N, C-alpha and C. Protein backbone atom coordinates (compact mmCIF):
# COMPACT_ATOMS: atom_id res chain seq x y z
N MET A 1 81.00 -25.98 11.87
CA MET A 1 80.26 -26.59 11.69
C MET A 1 81.08 -26.15 9.60
N THR A 2 82.45 -24.90 9.53
CA THR A 2 82.60 -24.73 9.13
C THR A 2 83.70 -25.64 8.24
N ALA A 3 84.30 -25.97 8.96
CA ALA A 3 85.06 -27.23 9.12
C ALA A 3 84.79 -28.57 8.30
N ALA A 4 83.89 -29.07 9.03
CA ALA A 4 82.76 -30.52 9.32
C ALA A 4 82.12 -30.56 7.48
N LYS A 5 81.90 -29.19 7.10
CA LYS A 5 81.49 -28.58 5.95
C LYS A 5 82.61 -29.49 5.03
N ARG A 6 83.36 -28.61 5.40
CA ARG A 6 84.90 -29.08 4.28
C ARG A 6 85.64 -30.69 4.38
N VAL A 7 85.19 -31.10 5.23
CA VAL A 7 85.57 -33.18 5.50
C VAL A 7 84.67 -34.03 5.08
N LEU A 8 82.92 -33.34 4.39
CA LEU A 8 82.07 -34.37 4.03
C LEU A 8 82.44 -35.02 2.56
N PRO A 9 82.77 -33.58 1.47
CA PRO A 9 83.07 -33.65 0.86
C PRO A 9 84.04 -34.80 0.69
N TYR A 10 85.13 -34.59 1.30
CA TYR A 10 86.63 -35.03 1.09
C TYR A 10 86.17 -37.05 1.47
N LEU A 11 85.31 -36.81 2.57
CA LEU A 11 85.03 -38.74 2.60
C LEU A 11 84.45 -38.84 1.73
N LYS A 12 83.66 -38.47 0.73
CA LYS A 12 82.44 -38.74 0.56
C LYS A 12 83.56 -39.34 -1.25
N SER A 13 84.50 -38.52 -1.17
CA SER A 13 85.38 -38.52 -2.46
C SER A 13 86.11 -40.05 -2.28
N THR A 14 86.94 -40.09 -0.91
CA THR A 14 87.57 -40.38 -0.98
C THR A 14 87.10 -42.29 0.25
N ALA A 15 85.99 -42.97 -0.48
CA ALA A 15 84.89 -43.70 0.17
C ALA A 15 85.35 -45.42 0.07
N ASP A 16 86.18 -44.82 -1.57
CA ASP A 16 86.65 -46.43 -1.57
C ASP A 16 88.15 -46.45 -1.42
N ALA A 17 88.91 -45.53 -0.76
CA ALA A 17 89.80 -45.80 -0.57
C ALA A 17 90.51 -46.81 0.66
N LYS A 18 91.24 -47.63 0.28
CA LYS A 18 91.25 -48.64 1.32
C LYS A 18 93.14 -48.69 1.56
N LEU A 19 93.28 -49.27 2.66
CA LEU A 19 94.85 -50.00 2.47
C LEU A 19 95.09 -51.12 2.36
N VAL A 20 95.91 -51.41 1.15
CA VAL A 20 95.80 -52.77 0.23
C VAL A 20 97.60 -53.83 0.76
N PHE A 21 97.34 -54.62 1.08
CA PHE A 21 98.69 -55.61 2.00
C PHE A 21 98.76 -56.00 0.41
N PRO A 22 99.98 -56.72 -0.53
CA PRO A 22 99.99 -57.17 -1.24
C PRO A 22 100.18 -58.90 -1.02
N GLY A 23 100.12 -59.48 -1.97
CA GLY A 23 99.32 -61.56 -2.14
C GLY A 23 100.96 -61.81 -1.62
N PRO A 24 101.33 -63.07 -2.01
CA PRO A 24 102.70 -63.87 -2.56
C PRO A 24 103.42 -63.13 -2.77
N ARG A 25 103.03 -62.55 -3.70
CA ARG A 25 103.97 -61.99 -4.99
C ARG A 25 104.37 -60.84 -5.02
N GLY A 26 103.58 -59.50 -4.12
CA GLY A 26 104.02 -59.07 -3.37
C GLY A 26 105.13 -58.57 -2.47
N SER A 27 105.09 -57.18 -2.62
CA SER A 27 106.20 -56.50 -1.67
C SER A 27 106.08 -57.48 -0.50
N LEU A 28 107.13 -58.06 0.04
CA LEU A 28 107.20 -58.74 1.64
C LEU A 28 108.02 -58.60 2.94
N GLU A 29 108.17 -57.04 2.01
CA GLU A 29 109.35 -55.97 3.46
C GLU A 29 108.80 -56.45 4.85
N GLY A 30 109.52 -56.13 5.53
CA GLY A 30 108.98 -57.09 6.98
C GLY A 30 108.74 -55.32 7.36
N LEU A 31 108.84 -54.87 8.61
CA LEU A 31 108.44 -53.61 9.34
C LEU A 31 109.68 -52.25 9.08
N VAL A 32 109.27 -51.23 8.12
CA VAL A 32 110.20 -50.66 8.31
C VAL A 32 109.06 -49.21 8.46
N GLY A 33 110.05 -48.30 9.20
CA GLY A 33 110.03 -47.09 9.70
C GLY A 33 110.70 -46.15 8.83
N TYR A 34 110.43 -44.73 8.90
CA TYR A 34 110.83 -43.53 8.84
C TYR A 34 110.85 -42.60 9.56
N THR A 35 111.95 -41.62 10.02
CA THR A 35 111.30 -40.26 10.98
C THR A 35 112.35 -39.33 10.54
N ASP A 36 111.63 -38.84 10.70
CA ASP A 36 112.27 -37.13 10.53
C ASP A 36 111.39 -36.09 11.62
N SER A 37 112.14 -35.00 11.44
CA SER A 37 111.93 -33.78 12.29
C SER A 37 112.58 -32.15 11.44
N ASP A 38 111.79 -31.11 11.31
CA ASP A 38 112.53 -30.03 10.89
C ASP A 38 113.17 -29.43 12.51
N TRP A 39 114.00 -28.24 12.25
CA TRP A 39 114.23 -28.31 13.26
C TRP A 39 113.86 -26.33 14.03
N ALA A 40 113.26 -25.80 15.00
CA ALA A 40 112.64 -25.17 15.09
C ALA A 40 111.75 -24.44 14.56
N GLY A 41 111.27 -25.41 13.93
CA GLY A 41 110.56 -24.68 12.75
C GLY A 41 108.94 -23.76 13.17
N ASP A 42 108.80 -23.63 14.40
CA ASP A 42 107.73 -23.00 15.00
C ASP A 42 108.22 -21.36 15.58
N ARG A 43 108.31 -20.89 14.87
CA ARG A 43 108.75 -19.91 15.34
C ARG A 43 107.90 -18.71 16.75
N HIS A 44 107.29 -19.15 17.13
CA HIS A 44 106.66 -19.02 18.56
C HIS A 44 107.46 -19.41 19.66
N ASP A 45 107.25 -20.17 20.04
CA ASP A 45 107.77 -21.62 21.03
C ASP A 45 109.56 -22.13 20.46
N TRP A 46 109.69 -21.57 19.51
CA TRP A 46 110.53 -22.73 18.61
C TRP A 46 111.01 -24.03 19.19
N ASN A 47 109.72 -24.90 19.27
CA ASN A 47 109.81 -26.17 19.31
C ASN A 47 109.79 -26.72 18.03
N SER A 48 110.31 -27.79 17.40
CA SER A 48 110.69 -28.78 16.12
C SER A 48 109.74 -30.10 16.04
N GLN A 49 109.19 -29.71 14.52
CA GLN A 49 107.98 -30.78 13.99
C GLN A 49 108.58 -32.25 14.14
N GLY A 50 107.85 -33.22 14.36
CA GLY A 50 108.96 -34.03 14.53
C GLY A 50 107.85 -35.52 14.59
N GLY A 51 108.13 -36.30 13.60
CA GLY A 51 107.21 -37.02 12.64
C GLY A 51 107.67 -38.66 12.69
N TYR A 52 107.08 -39.50 11.86
CA TYR A 52 107.42 -40.85 11.10
C TYR A 52 105.55 -41.93 10.86
N ILE A 53 106.28 -42.58 9.72
CA ILE A 53 105.52 -43.85 9.24
C ILE A 53 106.11 -44.81 8.90
N PHE A 54 105.48 -45.91 9.45
CA PHE A 54 105.28 -47.70 9.62
C PHE A 54 105.42 -47.94 8.70
N LYS A 55 105.78 -48.89 7.80
CA LYS A 55 105.36 -49.70 6.72
C LYS A 55 105.35 -51.32 7.22
N MET A 56 104.32 -51.97 6.38
CA MET A 56 103.92 -53.43 6.53
C MET A 56 103.84 -54.03 5.89
N ALA A 57 104.99 -54.94 4.73
CA ALA A 57 104.94 -55.19 3.81
C ALA A 57 104.50 -54.11 2.43
N GLY A 58 105.18 -52.76 2.51
CA GLY A 58 104.77 -52.50 1.95
C GLY A 58 103.80 -51.39 1.64
N THR A 59 102.96 -50.91 2.84
CA THR A 59 101.79 -50.64 3.01
C THR A 59 102.05 -49.52 4.40
N PRO A 60 101.61 -48.29 4.70
CA PRO A 60 101.48 -47.21 5.15
C PRO A 60 100.54 -48.07 6.75
N ILE A 61 101.66 -48.52 8.06
CA ILE A 61 100.03 -48.54 8.75
C ILE A 61 100.30 -47.79 9.98
N SER A 62 101.06 -47.48 9.70
CA SER A 62 101.21 -46.21 11.51
C SER A 62 101.74 -45.14 10.95
N TRP A 63 101.63 -43.91 11.85
CA TRP A 63 101.83 -42.68 10.81
C TRP A 63 101.71 -41.57 11.91
N LYS A 64 102.46 -40.73 12.29
CA LYS A 64 102.29 -39.08 13.12
C LYS A 64 103.29 -38.19 13.05
N SER A 65 102.24 -37.26 13.44
CA SER A 65 103.55 -35.88 13.44
C SER A 65 102.66 -34.95 14.12
N LYS A 66 104.17 -34.69 15.54
CA LYS A 66 103.49 -34.17 16.36
C LYS A 66 105.13 -32.87 17.02
N LYS A 67 104.84 -32.12 17.33
CA LYS A 67 105.53 -30.73 17.74
C LYS A 67 105.85 -31.24 19.49
N GLN A 68 107.86 -31.44 18.63
CA GLN A 68 108.51 -31.58 20.12
C GLN A 68 107.90 -30.95 21.70
N THR A 69 108.20 -31.93 22.86
CA THR A 69 107.60 -31.44 23.63
C THR A 69 108.86 -30.49 24.83
N VAL A 70 110.07 -30.57 23.77
CA VAL A 70 111.59 -29.91 23.80
C VAL A 70 112.48 -29.40 23.35
N VAL A 71 112.74 -28.03 23.51
CA VAL A 71 113.47 -27.59 21.93
C VAL A 71 113.89 -27.89 22.13
N ALA A 72 115.02 -28.10 21.00
CA ALA A 72 115.83 -28.84 20.38
C ALA A 72 117.50 -27.85 19.89
N ARG A 73 118.39 -27.77 20.65
CA ARG A 73 119.48 -27.46 20.32
C ARG A 73 120.28 -26.78 18.78
N SER A 74 119.70 -28.70 18.21
CA SER A 74 120.02 -28.50 17.10
C SER A 74 119.67 -29.73 16.38
N THR A 75 119.75 -29.47 15.07
CA THR A 75 119.41 -30.36 13.72
C THR A 75 118.78 -31.98 14.20
N THR A 76 120.48 -32.18 14.77
CA THR A 76 120.66 -33.38 15.18
C THR A 76 119.92 -33.97 16.47
N GLU A 77 119.43 -33.11 17.68
CA GLU A 77 119.20 -33.63 18.41
C GLU A 77 117.47 -33.87 18.25
N ALA A 78 117.21 -32.81 16.98
CA ALA A 78 115.31 -32.39 17.01
C ALA A 78 115.26 -34.33 16.12
N LYS A 79 116.41 -34.76 15.62
CA LYS A 79 115.65 -35.86 14.96
C LYS A 79 116.46 -36.85 15.26
N TYR A 80 117.11 -36.55 16.29
CA TYR A 80 116.91 -37.71 18.19
C TYR A 80 116.19 -38.27 18.18
N LEU A 81 115.94 -36.96 18.60
CA LEU A 81 114.15 -37.17 19.72
C LEU A 81 112.98 -37.59 18.63
N ALA A 82 112.94 -37.23 17.68
CA ALA A 82 112.45 -37.79 16.35
C ALA A 82 112.35 -39.45 16.53
N CYS A 83 113.73 -39.71 16.45
CA CYS A 83 114.36 -41.60 15.69
C CYS A 83 113.67 -42.24 17.74
N SER A 84 113.56 -41.47 18.91
CA SER A 84 112.98 -41.77 19.68
C SER A 84 111.56 -42.18 20.14
N GLU A 85 111.18 -41.34 19.62
CA GLU A 85 109.07 -41.47 19.18
C GLU A 85 108.80 -42.80 18.03
N ALA A 86 110.20 -42.50 17.41
CA ALA A 86 109.65 -44.12 16.77
C ALA A 86 109.75 -45.17 16.97
N THR A 87 110.74 -44.61 18.33
CA THR A 87 111.65 -46.19 18.44
C THR A 87 110.00 -46.28 19.64
N ARG A 88 109.84 -46.07 20.17
CA ARG A 88 108.28 -46.09 21.02
C ARG A 88 107.91 -46.91 20.39
N GLU A 89 107.21 -46.35 19.32
CA GLU A 89 106.09 -46.91 18.17
C GLU A 89 106.20 -48.46 17.50
N ALA A 90 107.87 -48.38 17.10
CA ALA A 90 107.88 -49.81 17.09
C ALA A 90 108.11 -50.42 18.08
N GLN A 91 108.57 -50.45 19.74
CA GLN A 91 108.32 -51.96 20.70
C GLN A 91 106.55 -52.02 20.14
N GLY A 92 105.90 -50.92 20.26
CA GLY A 92 104.60 -51.24 19.99
C GLY A 92 103.64 -52.17 18.60
N LEU A 93 104.09 -51.82 17.91
CA LEU A 93 104.16 -52.50 17.08
C LEU A 93 104.73 -53.98 16.61
N ILE A 94 106.28 -53.93 17.48
CA ILE A 94 106.53 -55.27 17.43
C ILE A 94 105.69 -55.92 18.26
N TYR A 95 105.14 -55.66 19.38
CA TYR A 95 104.48 -55.97 20.10
C TYR A 95 102.91 -56.75 19.83
N GLN A 96 103.12 -56.00 18.78
CA GLN A 96 101.23 -56.28 17.83
C GLN A 96 101.67 -57.52 17.19
N HIS A 97 102.56 -57.58 16.02
CA HIS A 97 103.45 -57.91 15.18
C HIS A 97 103.37 -59.96 16.01
N ARG A 98 103.88 -59.59 16.78
CA ARG A 98 104.20 -61.27 17.64
C ARG A 98 102.73 -61.64 18.53
N ASP A 99 101.89 -60.89 18.82
CA ASP A 99 100.79 -61.21 19.56
C ASP A 99 99.97 -61.32 18.04
N VAL A 100 100.44 -61.45 16.59
CA VAL A 100 99.20 -61.73 15.22
C VAL A 100 99.69 -63.26 14.83
N THR A 101 101.40 -62.84 14.64
CA THR A 101 102.33 -63.89 13.78
C THR A 101 102.57 -65.56 14.85
N SER A 102 103.22 -64.35 15.74
CA SER A 102 103.35 -65.21 16.96
C SER A 102 104.72 -65.13 16.16
N GLU A 103 105.98 -64.47 15.49
CA GLU A 103 107.12 -64.24 15.25
C GLU A 103 107.27 -62.76 15.45
N THR A 104 108.55 -62.65 15.83
CA THR A 104 109.09 -61.38 16.39
C THR A 104 110.00 -60.90 15.26
N VAL A 105 109.70 -59.57 14.81
CA VAL A 105 110.18 -58.80 13.90
C VAL A 105 110.87 -57.58 14.24
N VAL A 106 112.04 -57.73 13.62
CA VAL A 106 113.16 -56.85 13.99
C VAL A 106 113.38 -55.46 12.86
N PRO A 107 112.15 -54.33 13.07
CA PRO A 107 112.07 -53.01 11.95
C PRO A 107 113.28 -52.68 11.98
N ARG A 108 113.42 -52.26 10.62
CA ARG A 108 114.66 -51.02 10.41
C ARG A 108 113.87 -49.51 10.19
N ILE A 109 114.26 -49.08 11.20
CA ILE A 109 114.28 -47.31 10.70
C ILE A 109 114.67 -46.51 9.93
N HIS A 110 114.51 -46.11 8.89
CA HIS A 110 116.03 -45.28 8.68
C HIS A 110 115.36 -43.25 9.13
N CYS A 111 116.83 -42.92 8.53
CA CYS A 111 116.73 -41.80 9.43
C CYS A 111 117.80 -40.52 8.85
N ASP A 112 117.43 -40.15 7.87
CA ASP A 112 118.21 -38.89 7.47
C ASP A 112 119.78 -38.09 7.79
N SER A 113 119.30 -38.25 9.02
CA SER A 113 120.36 -37.79 9.90
C SER A 113 121.87 -38.32 9.92
N ASN A 114 122.84 -38.00 10.18
CA ASN A 114 123.88 -39.11 10.47
C ASN A 114 124.67 -38.37 11.85
N GLY A 115 124.48 -37.63 12.36
CA GLY A 115 124.75 -37.05 13.54
C GLY A 115 123.67 -37.70 14.38
N ALA A 116 122.32 -38.32 14.15
CA ALA A 116 121.32 -38.72 15.24
C ALA A 116 122.03 -40.20 14.68
N LEU A 117 122.53 -40.65 13.88
CA LEU A 117 122.58 -42.07 13.24
C LEU A 117 123.47 -42.25 14.53
N SER A 118 124.82 -40.88 14.50
CA SER A 118 126.18 -41.35 15.07
C SER A 118 125.72 -41.54 17.04
N THR A 119 124.78 -40.72 17.31
CA THR A 119 124.41 -40.31 18.58
C THR A 119 124.11 -41.86 19.30
N ILE A 120 122.77 -41.93 17.93
CA ILE A 120 122.01 -43.58 18.70
C ILE A 120 123.37 -44.31 18.29
N ARG A 121 124.13 -44.51 17.46
CA ARG A 121 125.60 -45.90 17.93
C ARG A 121 126.51 -45.53 18.56
N SER A 122 126.19 -44.48 19.50
CA SER A 122 127.63 -44.27 20.06
C SER A 122 127.46 -44.40 21.15
N THR A 123 128.47 -45.29 22.00
CA THR A 123 128.40 -45.99 23.36
C THR A 123 128.13 -45.33 24.39
N ILE A 124 129.48 -44.11 24.09
CA ILE A 124 129.23 -42.63 24.98
C ILE A 124 128.81 -41.31 24.86
N THR A 125 127.92 -41.17 26.60
CA THR A 125 127.21 -40.16 26.03
C THR A 125 128.09 -38.75 25.59
N SER A 126 128.34 -38.14 24.95
CA SER A 126 129.14 -36.85 24.56
C SER A 126 128.38 -35.86 25.55
N ASP A 127 129.39 -34.84 25.86
CA ASP A 127 129.08 -33.08 26.33
C ASP A 127 128.12 -32.86 26.28
N LYS A 128 127.37 -33.20 24.45
CA LYS A 128 126.96 -32.05 23.47
C LYS A 128 125.68 -32.96 23.73
N ALA A 129 125.43 -33.78 24.08
CA ALA A 129 124.08 -34.90 24.29
C ALA A 129 122.97 -35.02 25.93
N LYS A 130 124.37 -34.84 26.91
CA LYS A 130 124.01 -35.24 28.21
C LYS A 130 122.47 -34.22 29.32
N HIS A 131 122.59 -33.30 28.24
CA HIS A 131 121.29 -32.25 28.49
C HIS A 131 119.80 -33.32 27.80
N ILE A 132 120.01 -34.67 26.94
CA ILE A 132 118.87 -35.10 27.12
C ILE A 132 118.41 -35.91 27.60
N ASP A 133 117.07 -35.54 28.13
CA ASP A 133 116.44 -36.25 28.90
C ASP A 133 116.26 -37.70 28.98
N VAL A 134 116.79 -38.93 29.82
CA VAL A 134 117.49 -39.95 29.84
C VAL A 134 116.02 -41.04 28.95
N PRO A 135 114.75 -40.33 28.56
CA PRO A 135 113.69 -41.58 28.33
C PRO A 135 113.80 -41.42 26.59
N PHE A 136 114.54 -40.40 26.03
CA PHE A 136 115.18 -39.96 25.08
C PHE A 136 116.12 -41.30 24.49
N HIS A 137 116.79 -41.61 25.00
CA HIS A 137 118.23 -42.72 24.78
C HIS A 137 117.45 -44.17 24.36
N ASN A 138 116.57 -43.82 24.09
CA ASN A 138 115.58 -45.00 24.36
C ASN A 138 116.45 -46.15 22.77
N SER A 139 116.19 -45.02 21.74
CA SER A 139 116.40 -45.20 20.58
C SER A 139 118.06 -46.18 20.68
N ARG A 140 119.00 -45.85 21.18
CA ARG A 140 120.46 -46.32 21.81
C ARG A 140 120.69 -47.40 22.54
N HIS A 141 119.79 -48.06 23.56
CA HIS A 141 119.50 -48.98 23.53
C HIS A 141 118.88 -50.25 23.17
N LEU A 142 117.54 -49.94 22.41
CA LEU A 142 117.18 -51.27 21.31
C LEU A 142 118.07 -51.19 20.34
N ASP A 143 118.75 -49.72 19.71
CA ASP A 143 119.36 -50.40 18.69
C ASP A 143 120.08 -51.48 18.89
N ALA A 144 121.21 -51.21 20.21
CA ALA A 144 121.87 -52.23 20.52
C ALA A 144 122.09 -53.26 20.84
N ALA A 145 120.77 -53.12 20.96
CA ALA A 145 120.37 -54.76 21.44
C ALA A 145 119.72 -56.01 20.36
N GLY A 146 119.13 -54.69 19.28
CA GLY A 146 119.23 -55.61 18.30
C GLY A 146 117.52 -56.05 18.33
N VAL A 147 116.93 -54.65 19.37
CA VAL A 147 115.35 -54.95 19.01
C VAL A 147 115.37 -54.06 17.31
N VAL A 148 115.70 -52.79 17.55
CA VAL A 148 115.35 -51.85 16.19
C VAL A 148 116.92 -52.04 15.20
N LYS A 149 117.18 -51.65 14.25
CA LYS A 149 117.78 -51.18 13.31
C LYS A 149 117.71 -50.00 13.10
N PHE A 150 118.04 -48.91 13.09
CA PHE A 150 118.78 -47.78 12.86
C PHE A 150 119.33 -47.94 11.20
N THR A 151 119.18 -46.82 10.67
CA THR A 151 119.73 -47.38 8.87
C THR A 151 119.74 -46.09 8.29
N GLY A 152 121.09 -45.54 7.72
CA GLY A 152 120.50 -44.00 7.12
C GLY A 152 120.00 -44.34 5.66
N ILE A 153 119.23 -42.67 4.73
CA ILE A 153 118.42 -42.35 4.12
C ILE A 153 118.66 -41.15 3.88
N ASP A 154 118.54 -41.08 2.65
CA ASP A 154 119.43 -39.59 2.06
C ASP A 154 117.60 -39.49 1.79
N THR A 155 117.88 -37.89 2.32
CA THR A 155 116.63 -36.66 2.76
C THR A 155 115.24 -37.01 1.46
N LEU A 156 115.77 -37.42 -0.19
CA LEU A 156 114.83 -37.42 -0.75
C LEU A 156 114.05 -38.45 -0.92
N GLU A 157 114.40 -39.41 -0.17
CA GLU A 157 113.64 -40.44 -0.29
C GLU A 157 113.38 -40.96 1.54
N ASN A 158 113.23 -39.93 1.94
CA ASN A 158 112.60 -40.42 3.55
C ASN A 158 111.35 -39.65 3.82
N LEU A 159 110.19 -40.51 3.91
CA LEU A 159 108.94 -40.57 3.33
C LEU A 159 108.23 -40.46 4.49
N ALA A 160 108.82 -39.61 5.44
CA ALA A 160 108.42 -38.92 6.74
C ALA A 160 108.78 -37.14 6.84
N ASP A 161 109.59 -37.03 6.00
CA ASP A 161 109.72 -35.63 5.66
C ASP A 161 108.11 -34.80 5.55
N VAL A 162 107.38 -35.77 4.63
CA VAL A 162 105.74 -34.93 4.52
C VAL A 162 105.22 -34.77 5.62
N MET A 163 105.66 -35.62 7.22
CA MET A 163 105.31 -35.21 7.68
C MET A 163 105.43 -33.83 9.30
N THR A 164 106.69 -33.13 8.75
CA THR A 164 107.62 -32.53 9.22
C THR A 164 107.58 -31.32 8.83
N LYS A 165 107.13 -31.32 7.09
CA LYS A 165 107.14 -29.76 7.02
C LYS A 165 106.09 -29.53 5.43
N ALA A 166 105.91 -28.26 5.31
CA ALA A 166 104.99 -28.26 3.90
C ALA A 166 106.43 -28.52 2.17
N LEU A 167 105.76 -29.97 1.74
CA LEU A 167 106.06 -29.51 0.41
C LEU A 167 105.58 -29.40 -0.89
N PRO A 168 106.32 -29.23 -2.03
CA PRO A 168 106.03 -29.15 -3.08
C PRO A 168 104.86 -30.26 -3.97
N PRO A 169 104.06 -29.05 -4.30
CA PRO A 169 102.82 -30.08 -4.82
C PRO A 169 103.43 -31.18 -5.79
N GLU A 170 104.46 -31.40 -6.33
CA GLU A 170 104.47 -32.76 -7.51
C GLU A 170 105.32 -33.69 -6.13
N GLU A 171 105.67 -33.17 -5.08
CA GLU A 171 105.89 -34.46 -4.43
C GLU A 171 105.04 -35.13 -3.08
N HIS A 172 103.64 -33.91 -3.64
CA HIS A 172 102.47 -34.96 -2.32
C HIS A 172 102.35 -35.53 -3.92
N GLN A 173 102.02 -35.16 -5.15
CA GLN A 173 101.18 -36.14 -6.18
C GLN A 173 102.26 -37.45 -6.56
N TYR A 174 103.19 -36.86 -6.66
CA TYR A 174 104.15 -38.09 -7.65
C TYR A 174 104.81 -39.22 -5.89
N GLY A 175 105.46 -38.51 -5.07
CA GLY A 175 105.51 -39.34 -3.65
C GLY A 175 106.70 -38.89 -3.67
N ILE A 176 107.34 -39.05 -2.66
CA ILE A 176 109.27 -38.41 -1.81
C ILE A 176 109.61 -38.37 -2.80
N GLY A 177 110.88 -37.51 -2.97
CA GLY A 177 111.76 -37.24 -4.54
C GLY A 177 111.75 -37.91 -5.16
N LEU A 178 110.46 -37.59 -5.58
CA LEU A 178 110.11 -38.35 -6.87
C LEU A 178 109.37 -37.18 -7.91
N ARG A 179 109.52 -36.89 -9.21
CA ARG A 179 109.32 -36.20 -9.45
C ARG A 179 107.95 -36.52 -11.13
N PRO A 180 107.56 -35.72 -11.75
CA PRO A 180 106.31 -35.93 -12.87
C PRO A 180 107.08 -36.43 -13.94
N PRO A 181 106.33 -38.19 -14.08
CA PRO A 181 107.05 -38.28 -15.50
C PRO A 181 107.34 -37.37 -17.04
N ARG A 182 108.60 -38.40 -17.76
CA ARG A 182 108.96 -36.63 -18.92
C ARG A 182 108.30 -37.33 -20.08
């Protein structure tokens, strides 16, 4: 009941909030995703927190933050697992987009880990990645097939950072990687 009392004022104050898709002169950028993970952020079970955000025409349409189900052995592995989750979401969004528009879209998914991107782009499974369960390798297969396109992004520009860790107040107010105007 206490939690409900806290939520009600928030809902009332954000009643006019909505998703806005720009018109023809706005950003017509296609489906773009951002994925990130912390590493062993939970000190009780050492699981990592992974997350993603997908935008269409510059507007967020899908986002998720979830504790990963396996303990990652490195930052690279935690981010690789987060890429896998984002890839699964991208597949669903591709199908939805095709159902609505009859067009096939190839989403760009931004990841701020060169190690995870190297693992995705590698045609050989290294000894360091052999222990990763087969379902998590979907990113590699779909990137190679051209269904999704993984690209690097600077950590300060990764929108999914907010999904995995606490950020300073100014980054919440002004945006990831942005500071107040001077």
